[in-house]
Every structure is written in structure tokens, then in C-alpha cells.
Protein backbone atom coordinates (compact mmCIF):
# COMPACT_ATOMS: atom_id res chain seq x y z
CA UNK A 1 109.51 112.92 217.49
CA UNK A 2 109.94 115.14 214.39
CA UNK A 3 113.33 113.72 213.84
CA UNK A 4 111.92 110.18 214.31
CA UNK A 5 109.20 110.88 211.69
CA UNK A 6 111.68 112.30 209.19
CA UNK A 7 113.92 109.39 209.41
CA UNK A 8 111.02 106.93 209.09
CA UNK A 9 110.00 108.96 206.03
CA UNK A 10 113.55 108.63 204.48
CA UNK A 11 113.57 105.08 205.08
CA UNK A 12 110.22 104.52 203.54
CA UNK A 13 111.53 106.49 200.49
CA UNK A 14 114.61 104.48 200.38
CA UNK A 15 112.72 101.23 200.62
CA UNK A 16 110.27 102.20 197.80
CA UNK A 17 113.29 103.21 195.50
CA UNK A 18 114.95 99.93 196.25
CA UNK A 19 111.71 98.09 195.42
CA UNK A 20 111.50 99.96 192.00
CA UNK A 21 115.18 99.15 191.40
CA UNK A 22 114.60 95.51 192.19
CA UNK A 23 111.59 95.40 189.78
CA UNK A 24 113.50 97.29 187.09
CA UNK A 25 116.43 94.70 187.49
CA UNK A 26 114.09 91.73 187.60
CA UNK A 27 112.22 92.29 184.39
CA UNK A 28 115.11 92.16 181.98
CA UNK A 29 116.43 88.99 184.02
CA UNK A 30 113.08 87.18 183.76
CA UNK A 31 112.77 88.15 180.03
CA UNK A 32 116.27 86.55 179.54
CA UNK A 33 115.34 83.50 181.33
CA UNK A 34 111.82 83.10 179.59
CA UNK A 35 112.76 83.97 176.09
CA UNK A 36 114.36 80.68 175.09
CA UNK A 37 111.26 78.83 176.23
CA UNK A 38 109.36 81.10 174.10
CA UNK A 39 111.65 80.19 171.16
CA UNK A 40 111.14 76.55 171.87
CA UNK A 41 107.42 76.85 171.89
CA UNK A 42 107.40 78.91 168.66
CA UNK A 43 109.61 76.27 166.94
CA UNK A 44 107.33 73.60 168.31
CA UNK A 45 104.30 75.47 166.60
CA UNK A 46 106.02 75.84 163.43
CA UNK A 47 107.04 72.16 163.12
CA UNK A 48 103.54 70.73 164.37
CA UNK A 49 101.67 73.08 161.99
CA UNK A 50 104.21 72.58 159.16
CA UNK A 51 104.56 76.27 158.98
CA UNK A 52 107.52 76.74 156.73
CA UNK A 53 107.83 80.62 157.57
CA UNK A 54 108.14 80.06 161.26
CA UNK A 55 110.74 77.23 160.97
CA UNK A 56 112.73 79.50 158.46
CA UNK A 57 112.79 82.35 160.95
CA UNK A 58 113.61 80.26 164.11
CA UNK A 59 116.73 78.51 162.63
CA UNK A 60 120.12 79.75 161.73
CA UNK A 61 120.73 77.57 158.67
CA UNK A 62 124.54 77.61 157.92
CA UNK A 63 125.65 75.90 161.11
CA UNK A 64 122.61 73.44 160.96
CA UNK A 65 123.68 72.49 157.57
CA UNK A 66 127.14 71.91 158.64
CA UNK A 67 126.29 69.90 161.78
CA UNK A 68 123.85 67.65 159.62
CA UNK A 69 126.62 66.97 157.15
CA UNK A 70 129.05 66.00 159.83
CA UNK A 71 126.37 63.51 161.26
CA UNK A 72 125.75 62.17 157.94
CA UNK A 73 129.40 61.65 157.19
CA UNK A 74 129.76 59.83 160.58
CA UNK A 75 126.78 57.77 159.76
CA UNK A 76 128.02 56.72 156.48
CA UNK A 77 131.51 55.83 157.80
CA UNK A 78 130.47 53.99 160.96
CA UNK A 79 127.10 52.47 160.33
CA UNK A 80 125.89 52.47 156.63
CA UNK A 81 129.24 51.50 155.11
CA UNK A 82 129.43 48.50 157.40
CA UNK A 83 125.98 47.30 156.79
CA UNK A 84 126.29 47.65 153.05
CA UNK A 85 129.65 45.78 152.99
CA UNK A 86 127.59 42.81 154.58
CA UNK A 87 125.40 42.92 151.54
CA UNK A 88 128.43 43.37 149.17
CA UNK A 89 127.45 46.87 148.45
CA UNK A 90 130.44 49.21 148.34
CA UNK A 91 130.05 52.93 148.93
CA UNK A 92 132.41 54.92 146.55
CA UNK A 93 133.91 58.24 147.06
CA UNK A 94 131.24 59.79 144.77
CA UNK A 95 128.70 58.34 146.97
CA UNK A 96 130.11 59.88 149.96
CA UNK A 97 129.81 63.25 148.29
CA UNK A 98 126.01 62.65 148.45
CA UNK A 99 126.03 63.77 152.04
CA UNK A 100 126.29 67.45 151.17
CA UNK A 101 123.43 66.98 148.81
CA UNK A 102 121.44 65.21 151.54
CA UNK A 103 122.46 67.95 154.15
CA UNK A 104 121.12 70.44 151.71
CA UNK A 105 117.86 68.82 151.43
CA UNK A 106 117.56 68.30 155.19
CA UNK A 107 118.57 71.77 156.14
CA UNK A 108 115.51 73.41 154.85
CA UNK A 109 112.20 74.22 156.39
CA UNK A 110 110.56 71.45 154.41
CA UNK A 111 113.34 69.03 155.27
CA UNK A 112 113.11 69.80 159.03
CA UNK A 113 109.30 69.59 159.02
CA UNK A 114 109.58 66.17 157.27
CA UNK A 115 112.27 65.02 159.69
CA UNK A 116 110.08 66.03 162.60
CA UNK A 117 106.89 64.24 161.47
CA UNK A 118 108.98 61.01 160.15
CA UNK A 119 111.95 60.55 162.23
CA UNK A 120 111.99 56.76 161.88
CA UNK A 121 111.84 56.93 158.11
CA UNK A 122 115.10 58.95 157.73
CA UNK A 123 117.75 56.21 158.12
CA UNK A 124 116.06 54.04 155.60
CA UNK A 125 115.49 56.79 153.16
CA UNK A 126 119.21 57.79 153.36
CA UNK A 127 120.28 54.24 152.80
CA UNK A 128 118.00 54.16 149.76
CA UNK A 129 119.75 57.35 148.33
CA UNK A 130 123.24 55.64 148.74
CA UNK A 131 121.88 52.67 147.23
CA UNK A 132 120.77 54.81 144.29
CA UNK A 133 117.17 53.72 144.52
CA UNK A 134 115.87 57.11 145.75
CA UNK A 135 116.79 60.78 145.39
CA UNK A 136 117.78 63.39 147.98
CA UNK A 137 114.63 65.44 147.14
CA UNK A 138 112.62 62.67 148.88
CA UNK A 139 113.90 64.10 152.22
CA UNK A 140 112.22 67.45 151.72
CA UNK A 141 108.87 66.86 150.22
CA UNK A 142 106.29 69.66 150.11
CA UNK A 143 104.00 69.61 153.06
CA UNK A 144 100.65 71.36 153.68
CA UNK A 145 100.30 73.68 156.54
CA UNK A 146 97.73 72.83 159.14
CA UNK A 147 96.49 74.89 161.87
CA UNK A 148 97.58 74.36 165.35
CA UNK A 149 95.70 75.72 168.45
CA UNK A 150 97.67 76.28 171.60
CA UNK A 151 94.94 74.65 173.81
CA UNK A 152 93.96 71.30 174.97
CA UNK A 153 96.94 68.63 174.94
CA UNK A 154 99.08 70.49 172.67
CA UNK A 155 101.44 72.18 175.17
CA UNK A 156 101.28 69.38 177.78
CA UNK A 157 102.25 67.05 174.95
CA UNK A 158 105.31 69.12 174.35
CA UNK A 159 106.53 69.02 177.94
CA UNK A 160 106.05 65.32 178.16
CA UNK A 161 108.52 64.83 175.32
CA UNK A 162 111.30 66.90 176.94
CA UNK A 163 114.07 65.04 178.69
CA UNK A 164 115.89 68.05 179.85
CA UNK A 165 116.44 71.73 179.01
CA UNK A 166 118.99 74.21 180.46
CA UNK A 167 121.26 77.07 179.71
CA UNK A 168 124.81 75.85 178.92
CA UNK A 169 126.13 79.44 179.22
CA UNK A 170 124.71 82.91 178.92
CA UNK A 171 124.43 82.68 175.23
CA UNK A 172 123.38 78.96 174.67
CA UNK A 173 120.25 76.94 175.53
CA UNK A 174 120.05 73.11 175.18
CA UNK A 175 116.98 70.95 174.97
CA UNK A 176 116.64 67.20 174.44
CA UNK A 177 113.41 65.43 173.88
CA UNK A 178 111.89 62.42 172.04
CA UNK A 179 109.85 62.54 168.81
CA UNK A 180 108.16 59.38 168.04
CA UNK A 181 110.64 57.46 170.15
CA UNK A 182 113.65 59.12 168.49
CA UNK A 183 115.97 61.29 170.67
CA UNK A 184 116.59 64.77 169.42
CA UNK A 185 118.96 67.52 170.71
CA UNK A 186 118.65 71.09 169.89
CA UNK A 187 120.99 74.13 170.91
CA UNK A 188 119.74 77.64 170.69
CA UNK A 189 122.30 80.54 170.55
CA UNK A 190 121.40 84.07 171.48
CA UNK A 191 121.64 86.53 168.67
CA UNK A 192 120.82 90.08 169.98
CA UNK A 193 117.51 89.82 171.38
CA UNK A 194 116.54 86.60 169.56
CA UNK A 195 117.31 82.98 170.10
CA UNK A 196 118.13 80.80 167.12
CA UNK A 197 118.53 77.06 166.66
CA UNK A 198 122.25 76.41 165.73
CA UNK A 199 122.52 72.70 166.35
CA UNK A 200 120.10 69.82 165.61
CA UNK A 201 121.24 66.33 166.47
CA UNK A 202 119.38 63.19 165.48
CA UNK A 203 120.94 59.89 165.94
CA UNK A 204 120.30 58.11 162.76
CA UNK A 205 121.62 54.72 163.92
CA UNK A 206 120.13 54.77 167.42
CA UNK A 207 117.17 52.60 167.74
CA UNK A 208 113.91 54.20 168.84
CA UNK A 209 113.14 54.62 172.55
CA UNK A 210 109.75 54.33 174.16
CA UNK A 211 107.25 56.67 172.69
CA UNK A 212 106.07 59.81 174.79
């Protein structure tokens, strides 16, 4: 009986140690899985409230600027140039160099906040810049910060806009959602313990979809 009690005691001790080990392993795994969603919510708060400091912190700006410039060059070559030719308006090489200036204005906290709140105006404003009736500065006007409370419809409103979100690998997290009928794609990259936005895709030429 004594041997049986000792064995049972050892088994209980082993089970308790395994339980503690499982908890110790689960905590960092859960933190890893949850942290990108926290980054998403934090970015949403920053954009909704026009908080430039939060937006500044949540985005890795060099790759964002580079990606926006590539999207603008593609937009100019494939869409804008064709449409302007139909109106006998020719885009010159110097006008194409405007894409960098435009990207520099969009890839700022003010520019991203303005894009978020006015996605359907961007294509028209970019067109006006190339037609020399507007300035790149119009894409990043100053905005007033407004308080946002995480209650009521705010968070449910965010989830309703999301089309999908998932890990593409251990270091990248991708989300797609609609803002005022315009589809956006964002990719976060893990940098140490933080997740930063490294790609923002907004299809300038794509018609708006149904609002969510």
C-alpha cells in the first residue's frame, strides 16, 4: 500500500509539473497569436481618432513609402495615362516624377489618416495633381484629433469591415478590409516584440464595393 501511495504521489507531482510547463509554454504562444490583433486595434484607434502619434508608431515608413510609389507608378501607366490620352492630355516624364512627391505626402501620419477617412477622393485628387490643378500637399492636410471610446459600435464596426486576416508566416500578418466601400490590404511584420505595418495597398483604379 505504501508503494502504491508513493507512486500515486509521484504521478500527481509529475502531472502538476506538466500542467505548469504547459501553462508556461501556452502563455508566450497565446501572446504571439494575440499581439497582431492588438496591433490592428491600436492602428484602428489611431486612424479613427486621427491620432498622428499612434499612426506614426504603428507604421514602418520606408517600405510603406516604397510600396505606395510603386502602386502610383502602376496607376499612372495603366490607368491614368490612358484616361488622359482620351482627353488629349499627355503625361510627361517630369509629371511621372510626381509619383515620388505624392508618395512622400501619403506616407505620413497625416496622409494615411486622410486616406483612411477619404479613400474615394484619392484617385480624383491624384488625377488633379497630374493635371496641375492641385498640389501634392492636398493629400496630407492637417487633421484635428478626436476622442474615440472603445465601446458601443466601435469594435464591432471594425470586425464587420474585415474580409480576412491571418498569419502568412511566423513573422507576417495580413488583413483585408473595406473602408467606405474601398478594399484595403495591410501587412504587418514582427520586429522584436512589436508588429509594424510594412505594406498598405489601396487599389486606386478599382471601383468601390458595397459599404460595410
